[in-house]
Each structure stands twice: as C-alpha cells, then as structure tokens.
C-alpha cells in the first residue's frame, strides 16, 4: 500500500504540436511549437489536448504523424523549483514550460532519479486519480542546452555544451512517465501531484 505525500499543484499544462527540434546537421530548439491548455488526456500512447475545438496529439504521442515516442516518454513533467535554478543560471528566457514538459508542478521540492523509483499520482478536486509509473529522468539534449545558453548548437564550444548537459540532468530538465492504467485519464490545472513513499 502506497503512502502518498503532496509535492504541489499542476500550474501549467501543454502539448508539443510538432517536434521541437528541427534540422539535420545543426538541430535547433523551437519552443514556439508549444501550446498551453487547461486539460490534457493521457493514454499509454501519450497525451492529447483540445485546440480550437479539435482533439490533437502531442508530438510524443505514438499516433502523432511525426511522433517522437520511444515507448518510454508518453508523458513528461517538470518542477518549478528547477526552473528557478535554470533561470538563475541562464537568464529570464527560461520561462515556465519552455523545456516542453506536458505538466509543470509548482514545488520547491527537487526530485531526483532516486526519489522517483515508486509511483506518482495526480489527484483532482473531484476525486479523479491518475497514477503514473515507469518514471525516468528526461535526458537533456544538445539543442535545448544551446537554447538555454542563448545560442544554437554549432556556435557553442563542446565543453560548454557538455557542462550544460550535466547541469540539466538528474531531473532539472524534467521527467518521463507512463500511465499505470490503460484507460484514458484526464489531468487538469490545479490537480495535486503526490509521490509514493513505500
């Protein structure tokens, strides 16, 4: 039986309408492909949301025509405490949600890989409960690292990119997760995020 402790509320929900890294030789991070929403729906295939009255797939949904789904990344979430660190290091362009996660949780708790070996739950005010499993650190990529530095990948020294990748790892960049249920579940702004302590 899980013992749950509160981490914080969901303060931002969004989808990636299209993959955010573009290019072949030099890949560029494109945050303008994000769309903020008030609710998302989650299945094992990934996230969908409603935009302009139409249900659309997130870029990491297995059914997106240009999917970036690997089987391990149907959903992503981040923590505002890490954004405070990124903004302090890189500048004010590191606004909430710019890393592209589906869910942003307001909390000063800085979860690491060791902290997320159990399950995470999202509890709605109406009693909805969404359980997440298979939680992994979302590894940072070079295009996002260059974006953090205010540049593009081929204009940044390799050692600077490497140092930035290290900083963004172990939860700073965010986490991947999968739903424990095969049923579609709804996640809304304001849902409370809980972590299991077994």
Protein backbone atom coordinates (compact mmCIF):
# COMPACT_ATOMS: atom_id res chain seq x y z
CA UNK A 1 0.00 0.00 0.00
CA UNK A 2 1.39 3.37 -1.01
CA UNK A 3 1.81 6.23 1.44
CA UNK A 4 1.40 9.44 -0.54
CA UNK A 5 2.91 12.84 0.16
CA UNK A 6 1.97 16.02 -1.64
CA UNK A 7 4.50 17.60 -3.97
CA UNK A 8 2.44 20.52 -5.30
CA UNK A 9 -0.32 21.54 -7.73
CA UNK A 10 -0.27 21.44 -11.52
CA UNK A 11 0.21 25.06 -12.64
CA UNK A 12 0.79 24.55 -16.37
CA UNK A 13 -0.37 22.02 -18.96
CA UNK A 14 0.79 22.00 -22.56
CA UNK A 15 1.43 19.93 -25.64
CA UNK A 16 4.08 19.99 -28.31
CA UNK A 17 2.07 20.45 -31.51
CA UNK A 18 5.12 19.42 -33.55
CA UNK A 19 8.58 18.08 -32.60
CA UNK A 20 10.59 20.91 -31.10
CA UNK A 21 13.98 20.03 -32.56
CA UNK A 22 14.43 20.87 -36.23
CA UNK A 23 17.30 20.35 -38.62
CA UNK A 24 19.76 17.62 -39.53
CA UNK A 25 23.36 18.81 -39.30
CA UNK A 26 22.51 21.57 -36.84
CA UNK A 27 19.36 20.95 -34.85
CA UNK A 28 17.57 23.98 -33.43
CA UNK A 29 15.18 24.02 -30.46
CA UNK A 30 11.80 25.60 -31.38
CA UNK A 31 9.68 26.48 -28.33
CA UNK A 32 7.04 28.22 -30.48
CA UNK A 33 5.58 24.75 -31.13
CA UNK A 34 4.17 24.58 -27.60
CA UNK A 35 0.50 25.22 -26.86
CA UNK A 36 -0.78 25.73 -23.32
CA UNK A 37 -4.12 24.16 -22.42
CA UNK A 38 -6.40 23.77 -19.40
CA UNK A 39 -6.57 19.97 -19.52
CA UNK A 40 -4.91 17.02 -21.20
CA UNK A 41 -5.92 13.41 -21.72
CA UNK A 42 -3.47 10.58 -21.18
CA UNK A 43 -3.36 7.00 -22.51
CA UNK A 44 -0.42 4.58 -22.84
CA UNK A 45 0.08 6.01 -26.36
CA UNK A 46 0.61 9.52 -24.98
CA UNK A 47 -1.09 12.87 -24.49
CA UNK A 48 -3.85 14.63 -26.40
CA UNK A 49 -5.43 18.04 -25.82
CA UNK A 50 -8.15 20.21 -27.33
CA UNK A 51 -7.06 23.11 -29.51
CA UNK A 52 -9.57 25.24 -31.44
CA UNK A 53 -12.31 22.69 -30.73
CA UNK A 54 -10.30 19.75 -32.08
CA UNK A 55 -8.51 16.94 -30.22
CA UNK A 56 -4.84 16.94 -31.24
CA UNK A 57 -1.88 14.70 -30.48
CA UNK A 58 1.22 15.75 -28.58
CA UNK A 59 4.44 15.14 -30.53
CA UNK A 60 5.33 12.30 -28.13
CA UNK A 61 2.02 10.53 -28.67
CA UNK A 62 2.55 7.34 -30.67
CA UNK A 63 -0.26 8.44 -33.06
CA UNK A 64 1.28 11.81 -33.96
CA UNK A 65 2.28 11.79 -37.66
CA UNK A 66 5.82 12.91 -36.74
CA UNK A 67 5.92 11.11 -33.41
CA UNK A 68 8.91 11.25 -31.09
CA UNK A 69 7.51 8.44 -28.94
CA UNK A 70 10.17 5.94 -27.84
CA UNK A 71 7.88 3.81 -25.69
CA UNK A 72 9.30 5.39 -22.52
CA UNK A 73 8.14 9.00 -22.98
CA UNK A 74 4.34 9.20 -23.42
CA UNK A 75 4.17 11.96 -20.78
CA UNK A 76 6.66 14.44 -19.32
CA UNK A 77 6.58 16.63 -16.24
CA UNK A 78 8.80 19.26 -14.65
CA UNK A 79 9.11 21.17 -11.37
CA UNK A 80 9.10 24.92 -10.82
CA UNK A 81 11.98 24.66 -8.35
CA UNK A 82 14.25 23.52 -11.16
CA UNK A 83 13.08 26.42 -13.33
CA UNK A 84 14.27 28.77 -10.58
CA UNK A 85 17.72 27.18 -10.91
CA UNK A 86 17.69 27.33 -14.73
CA UNK A 87 16.61 30.98 -14.71
CA UNK A 88 19.34 31.86 -12.20
CA UNK A 89 21.98 30.19 -14.39
CA UNK A 90 20.81 31.03 -17.91
CA UNK A 91 18.53 34.07 -17.71
CA UNK A 92 14.94 35.22 -17.91
CA UNK A 93 14.22 33.42 -21.20
CA UNK A 94 13.90 30.22 -19.12
CA UNK A 95 10.19 30.78 -18.57
CA UNK A 96 7.87 28.17 -17.07
CA UNK A 97 7.21 25.38 -19.58
CA UNK A 98 9.97 26.32 -22.03
CA UNK A 99 11.55 22.86 -21.59
CA UNK A 100 8.48 21.38 -23.29
CA UNK A 101 7.05 19.22 -20.49
CA UNK A 102 3.33 18.37 -20.56
CA UNK A 103 2.85 19.05 -16.84
CA UNK A 104 4.54 21.64 -14.64
CA UNK A 105 4.24 21.20 -10.88
CA UNK A 106 4.60 24.13 -8.50
CA UNK A 107 7.01 23.00 -5.80
CA UNK A 108 10.33 23.79 -4.18
CA UNK A 109 10.95 20.04 -3.81
CA UNK A 110 13.71 18.98 -6.20
CA UNK A 111 13.04 15.35 -7.06
CA UNK A 112 15.95 13.30 -8.39
CA UNK A 113 16.15 9.92 -10.08
CA UNK A 114 16.47 8.24 -6.68
CA UNK A 115 13.25 9.90 -5.49
CA UNK A 116 11.05 8.66 -8.34
CA UNK A 117 11.51 4.89 -8.10
CA UNK A 118 7.89 4.40 -6.98
CA UNK A 119 4.75 5.92 -8.43
CA UNK A 120 3.38 9.43 -8.78
CA UNK A 121 -0.31 10.33 -8.68
CA UNK A 122 -2.39 13.29 -9.76
CA UNK A 123 -5.49 13.87 -7.66
CA UNK A 124 -8.30 16.10 -8.89
CA UNK A 125 -10.59 18.13 -6.65
CA UNK A 126 -13.43 15.91 -7.92
CA UNK A 127 -11.68 12.71 -6.82
CA UNK A 128 -10.06 11.81 -10.16
CA UNK A 129 -6.83 9.88 -9.60
CA UNK A 130 -4.23 9.28 -12.30
CA UNK A 131 -1.34 7.01 -11.35
CA UNK A 132 1.98 7.35 -13.19
CA UNK A 133 4.64 4.64 -13.30
CA UNK A 134 7.99 3.94 -15.01
CA UNK A 135 9.29 7.38 -14.09
CA UNK A 136 12.62 8.29 -15.66
CA UNK A 137 14.83 11.35 -15.83
CA UNK A 138 14.33 13.08 -19.19
CA UNK A 139 17.86 13.33 -20.58
CA UNK A 140 18.75 16.82 -21.81
CA UNK A 141 19.71 17.25 -25.45
CA UNK A 142 22.27 19.47 -27.14
CA UNK A 143 19.74 21.72 -28.96
CA UNK A 144 17.94 22.52 -25.69
CA UNK A 145 21.28 23.08 -23.94
CA UNK A 146 22.27 25.56 -26.65
CA UNK A 147 18.88 27.27 -26.34
CA UNK A 148 19.46 27.65 -22.59
CA UNK A 149 22.77 29.33 -23.42
CA UNK A 150 21.02 31.71 -25.82
CA UNK A 151 22.61 30.19 -28.90
CA UNK A 152 22.45 27.28 -31.33
CA UNK A 153 24.40 24.05 -31.09
CA UNK A 154 27.14 24.64 -33.67
CA UNK A 155 28.02 28.05 -32.17
CA UNK A 156 28.73 26.78 -28.65
CA UNK A 157 32.03 25.24 -27.55
CA UNK A 158 31.69 21.47 -27.00
CA UNK A 159 32.95 21.70 -23.39
CA UNK A 160 30.29 24.36 -22.64
CA UNK A 161 27.55 22.13 -24.07
CA UNK A 162 28.88 19.19 -22.04
CA UNK A 163 28.86 21.24 -18.84
CA UNK A 164 25.30 22.42 -19.56
CA UNK A 165 24.13 18.85 -20.23
CA UNK A 166 25.49 17.83 -16.83
CA UNK A 167 23.67 20.69 -15.13
CA UNK A 168 20.36 19.85 -16.82
CA UNK A 169 20.49 16.14 -15.93
CA UNK A 170 19.04 14.23 -12.95
CA UNK A 171 15.65 15.94 -13.04
CA UNK A 172 16.47 19.55 -13.87
CA UNK A 173 15.30 19.07 -17.47
CA UNK A 174 12.27 17.07 -16.25
CA UNK A 175 10.99 13.51 -16.13
CA UNK A 176 9.20 10.99 -18.33
CA UNK A 177 6.35 8.81 -17.07
CA UNK A 178 3.71 6.39 -18.27
CA UNK A 179 0.13 5.87 -17.08
CA UNK A 180 -0.49 2.85 -14.86
CA UNK A 181 -3.95 2.40 -16.41
CA UNK A 182 -4.80 1.51 -19.99
CA UNK A 183 -7.92 3.71 -19.73
CA UNK A 184 -7.88 7.33 -20.85
CA UNK A 185 -7.49 9.68 -17.88
CA UNK A 186 -7.95 13.43 -17.66
CA UNK A 187 -5.48 15.81 -16.00
CA UNK A 188 -6.46 19.39 -15.20
CA UNK A 189 -4.83 22.55 -13.97
CA UNK A 190 -4.90 22.55 -10.19
CA UNK A 191 -4.66 18.78 -9.78
CA UNK A 192 -2.45 17.88 -6.81
CA UNK A 193 0.67 15.82 -7.52
CA UNK A 194 1.65 13.19 -4.97
CA UNK A 195 4.63 10.87 -4.75
CA UNK A 196 4.63 7.43 -3.14
CA UNK A 197 6.89 6.63 -0.22
CA UNK A 198 6.90 2.88 0.20
